[in-house]
Amino acid sequence: MAISFRRWRKNLTWLQVHHKLYEWVRVAASREPSLSEAAFNSQSVETATMISTDVGFDPGKKINGRKRFITVDLLGLVL
């Protein structure tokens, strides 16, 4: 019987697997299994001018494009 990712996503098995692996990695790094602090991280992504006229500018990196943001714990694991 093949296990499909779609079925895991629909019945939330995928989230349970992610949560358990997240706890294991934290414990292996000598941290508490549950999150105590979080941080926002960002990345500038260069976009082609011909694809979209709606682009910004990151003056720190001198890149035309967009910034994407993600929330991580202090180990850098995605929340």
N, C-alpha and C. Protein backbone atom coordinates (compact mmCIF):
# COMPACT_ATOMS: atom_id res chain seq x y z
N MET A 1 0.84 -1.18 0.00
CA MET A 1 0.00 0.00 0.00
C MET A 1 0.89 1.24 0.00
N ALA A 2 0.71 2.07 -0.97
CA ALA A 2 1.51 3.28 -1.09
C ALA A 2 0.94 4.38 -0.19
N ILE A 3 1.83 5.05 0.53
CA ILE A 3 1.42 6.17 1.38
C ILE A 3 1.61 7.44 0.56
N SER A 4 0.55 8.18 0.40
CA SER A 4 0.66 9.39 -0.41
C SER A 4 0.80 10.62 0.48
N PHE A 5 1.63 11.53 0.03
CA PHE A 5 1.82 12.78 0.76
C PHE A 5 0.51 13.55 0.86
N ARG A 6 -0.31 13.48 -0.19
CA ARG A 6 -1.59 14.19 -0.19
C ARG A 6 -2.48 13.72 0.96
N ARG A 7 -2.53 12.41 1.16
CA ARG A 7 -3.34 11.87 2.25
C ARG A 7 -2.78 12.31 3.61
N TRP A 8 -1.46 12.28 3.76
CA TRP A 8 -0.83 12.72 5.01
C TRP A 8 -1.13 14.19 5.27
N ARG A 9 -1.11 14.99 4.22
CA ARG A 9 -1.38 16.42 4.37
C ARG A 9 -2.83 16.65 4.79
N LYS A 10 -3.75 15.92 4.17
CA LYS A 10 -5.18 16.10 4.46
C LYS A 10 -5.56 15.64 5.87
N ASN A 11 -4.95 14.54 6.34
CA ASN A 11 -5.32 14.07 7.68
C ASN A 11 -4.36 14.56 8.78
N LEU A 12 -3.50 15.51 8.43
CA LEU A 12 -2.57 16.19 9.34
C LEU A 12 -1.45 15.29 9.89
N THR A 13 -1.25 14.13 9.29
CA THR A 13 -0.13 13.28 9.69
C THR A 13 1.20 13.99 9.46
N TRP A 14 1.29 14.74 8.36
CA TRP A 14 2.52 15.45 8.03
C TRP A 14 2.92 16.43 9.14
N LEU A 15 1.95 17.13 9.72
CA LEU A 15 2.24 18.07 10.81
C LEU A 15 2.70 17.33 12.07
N GLN A 16 2.12 16.18 12.33
CA GLN A 16 2.53 15.39 13.49
C GLN A 16 3.96 14.89 13.33
N VAL A 17 4.31 14.45 12.12
CA VAL A 17 5.69 14.00 11.85
C VAL A 17 6.66 15.16 12.03
N HIS A 18 6.32 16.32 11.47
CA HIS A 18 7.18 17.50 11.59
C HIS A 18 7.37 17.88 13.06
N HIS A 19 6.29 17.87 13.83
CA HIS A 19 6.36 18.27 15.23
C HIS A 19 7.26 17.31 16.02
N LYS A 20 7.12 16.01 15.79
CA LYS A 20 7.93 15.03 16.52
C LYS A 20 9.42 15.17 16.16
N LEU A 21 9.72 15.32 14.87
CA LEU A 21 11.12 15.52 14.45
C LEU A 21 11.68 16.81 15.02
N TYR A 22 10.87 17.85 15.06
CA TYR A 22 11.27 19.14 15.63
C TYR A 22 11.68 18.96 17.10
N GLU A 23 10.86 18.23 17.86
CA GLU A 23 11.17 17.98 19.28
C GLU A 23 12.46 17.19 19.43
N TRP A 24 12.63 16.16 18.60
CA TRP A 24 13.84 15.32 18.69
C TRP A 24 15.10 16.13 18.42
N VAL A 25 15.06 17.00 17.43
CA VAL A 25 16.24 17.83 17.10
C VAL A 25 16.54 18.79 18.24
N ARG A 26 15.51 19.37 18.84
CA ARG A 26 15.73 20.29 19.96
C ARG A 26 16.35 19.56 21.16
N VAL A 27 15.84 18.39 21.47
CA VAL A 27 16.38 17.62 22.61
C VAL A 27 17.83 17.21 22.32
N ALA A 28 18.12 16.81 21.09
CA ALA A 28 19.49 16.43 20.72
C ALA A 28 20.45 17.60 20.83
N ALA A 29 19.93 18.84 20.71
CA ALA A 29 20.75 20.04 20.85
C ALA A 29 20.74 20.57 22.28
N SER A 30 20.32 19.73 23.23
CA SER A 30 20.26 20.08 24.65
C SER A 30 19.33 21.26 24.92
N ARG A 31 18.21 21.28 24.24
CA ARG A 31 17.18 22.30 24.46
C ARG A 31 15.92 21.63 24.96
N GLU A 32 15.01 22.42 25.50
CA GLU A 32 13.70 21.90 25.87
C GLU A 32 12.96 21.50 24.59
N PRO A 33 12.11 20.47 24.65
CA PRO A 33 11.39 20.06 23.44
C PRO A 33 10.45 21.12 22.89
N SER A 34 9.90 21.94 23.77
CA SER A 34 8.97 22.97 23.30
C SER A 34 9.68 24.31 23.15
N LEU A 35 9.14 25.13 22.30
CA LEU A 35 9.71 26.42 21.95
C LEU A 35 9.57 27.41 23.10
N SER A 36 10.61 28.20 23.37
CA SER A 36 10.52 29.26 24.37
C SER A 36 10.72 30.64 23.74
N GLU A 37 11.45 30.71 22.63
CA GLU A 37 11.68 31.98 21.94
C GLU A 37 11.68 31.74 20.44
N ALA A 38 11.34 32.79 19.70
CA ALA A 38 11.33 32.70 18.24
C ALA A 38 11.93 33.98 17.67
N ALA A 39 12.31 33.91 16.41
CA ALA A 39 12.87 35.07 15.72
C ALA A 39 12.33 35.11 14.30
N PHE A 40 12.25 36.31 13.75
CA PHE A 40 11.88 36.47 12.35
C PHE A 40 13.16 36.56 11.55
N ASN A 41 13.22 35.85 10.45
CA ASN A 41 14.38 35.88 9.57
C ASN A 41 13.90 36.32 8.20
N SER A 42 14.75 37.01 7.47
CA SER A 42 14.35 37.48 6.14
C SER A 42 15.44 37.19 5.13
N GLN A 43 15.04 37.16 3.87
CA GLN A 43 15.97 36.92 2.78
C GLN A 43 15.54 37.76 1.60
N SER A 44 16.48 38.42 0.95
CA SER A 44 16.18 39.17 -0.26
C SER A 44 16.28 38.23 -1.45
N VAL A 45 15.25 38.23 -2.27
CA VAL A 45 15.19 37.35 -3.43
C VAL A 45 15.15 38.21 -4.68
N GLU A 46 16.13 38.05 -5.53
CA GLU A 46 16.21 38.83 -6.76
C GLU A 46 15.15 38.35 -7.74
N THR A 47 14.43 39.29 -8.35
CA THR A 47 13.43 38.94 -9.35
C THR A 47 13.79 39.59 -10.67
N ALA A 48 13.39 38.95 -11.72
CA ALA A 48 13.64 39.49 -13.06
C ALA A 48 12.67 40.64 -13.31
N THR A 49 13.16 41.72 -13.88
CA THR A 49 12.33 42.89 -14.13
C THR A 49 11.23 42.61 -15.13
N MET A 50 11.46 41.73 -16.08
CA MET A 50 10.46 41.44 -17.11
C MET A 50 9.29 40.61 -16.55
N ILE A 51 9.51 39.92 -15.43
CA ILE A 51 8.47 39.06 -14.88
C ILE A 51 7.43 39.86 -14.13
N SER A 52 7.86 40.82 -13.35
CA SER A 52 6.92 41.60 -12.55
C SER A 52 7.43 43.03 -12.44
N THR A 53 6.52 43.97 -12.58
CA THR A 53 6.91 45.37 -12.39
C THR A 53 6.81 45.76 -10.93
N ASP A 54 6.24 44.90 -10.12
CA ASP A 54 6.05 45.17 -8.69
C ASP A 54 7.23 44.60 -7.91
N VAL A 55 8.37 45.28 -7.97
CA VAL A 55 9.56 44.84 -7.24
C VAL A 55 10.03 45.96 -6.35
N GLY A 56 10.70 45.58 -5.30
CA GLY A 56 11.26 46.56 -4.38
C GLY A 56 12.77 46.60 -4.53
N PHE A 57 13.42 47.28 -3.59
CA PHE A 57 14.87 47.40 -3.62
C PHE A 57 15.40 47.23 -2.21
N ASP A 58 16.36 46.33 -2.02
CA ASP A 58 17.03 46.14 -0.74
C ASP A 58 18.33 46.93 -0.78
N PRO A 59 18.37 48.11 -0.12
CA PRO A 59 19.57 48.95 -0.21
C PRO A 59 20.79 48.33 0.46
N GLY A 60 20.58 47.47 1.46
CA GLY A 60 21.71 46.85 2.14
C GLY A 60 22.46 45.88 1.24
N LYS A 61 21.73 45.16 0.40
CA LYS A 61 22.35 44.19 -0.50
C LYS A 61 22.38 44.66 -1.94
N LYS A 62 21.77 45.83 -2.20
CA LYS A 62 21.71 46.40 -3.55
C LYS A 62 21.08 45.40 -4.53
N ILE A 63 19.91 44.87 -4.15
CA ILE A 63 19.21 43.87 -4.96
C ILE A 63 17.80 44.36 -5.26
N ASN A 64 17.42 44.30 -6.54
CA ASN A 64 16.03 44.53 -6.91
C ASN A 64 15.30 43.22 -6.70
N GLY A 65 14.18 43.27 -6.01
CA GLY A 65 13.44 42.04 -5.80
C GLY A 65 12.50 42.15 -4.63
N ARG A 66 12.28 41.04 -3.99
CA ARG A 66 11.35 40.97 -2.87
C ARG A 66 12.05 40.40 -1.66
N LYS A 67 11.50 40.70 -0.49
CA LYS A 67 11.98 40.09 0.74
C LYS A 67 10.97 39.06 1.17
N ARG A 68 11.46 37.90 1.58
CA ARG A 68 10.56 36.90 2.15
C ARG A 68 10.95 36.68 3.60
N PHE A 69 9.96 36.42 4.40
CA PHE A 69 10.16 36.31 5.83
C PHE A 69 9.73 34.94 6.32
N ILE A 70 10.36 34.48 7.39
CA ILE A 70 10.03 33.19 7.98
C ILE A 70 10.27 33.30 9.49
N THR A 71 9.51 32.53 10.24
CA THR A 71 9.69 32.49 11.69
C THR A 71 10.46 31.22 12.03
N VAL A 72 11.52 31.39 12.83
CA VAL A 72 12.37 30.26 13.21
C VAL A 72 12.60 30.29 14.72
N ASP A 73 13.00 29.14 15.28
CA ASP A 73 13.40 29.16 16.67
C ASP A 73 14.88 29.54 16.73
N LEU A 74 15.46 29.55 17.92
CA LEU A 74 16.84 30.01 18.04
C LEU A 74 17.87 29.04 17.48
N LEU A 75 17.44 27.83 17.12
CA LEU A 75 18.32 26.88 16.42
C LEU A 75 18.24 27.05 14.91
N GLY A 76 17.29 27.89 14.45
CA GLY A 76 17.10 28.09 13.02
C GLY A 76 16.08 27.14 12.41
N LEU A 77 15.36 26.39 13.25
CA LEU A 77 14.34 25.46 12.75
C LEU A 77 13.07 26.20 12.42
N VAL A 78 12.46 25.87 11.29
CA VAL A 78 11.24 26.53 10.82
C VAL A 78 10.08 26.17 11.74
N LEU A 79 9.30 27.19 12.07
CA LEU A 79 8.12 26.94 12.93
C LEU A 79 6.89 26.73 12.10
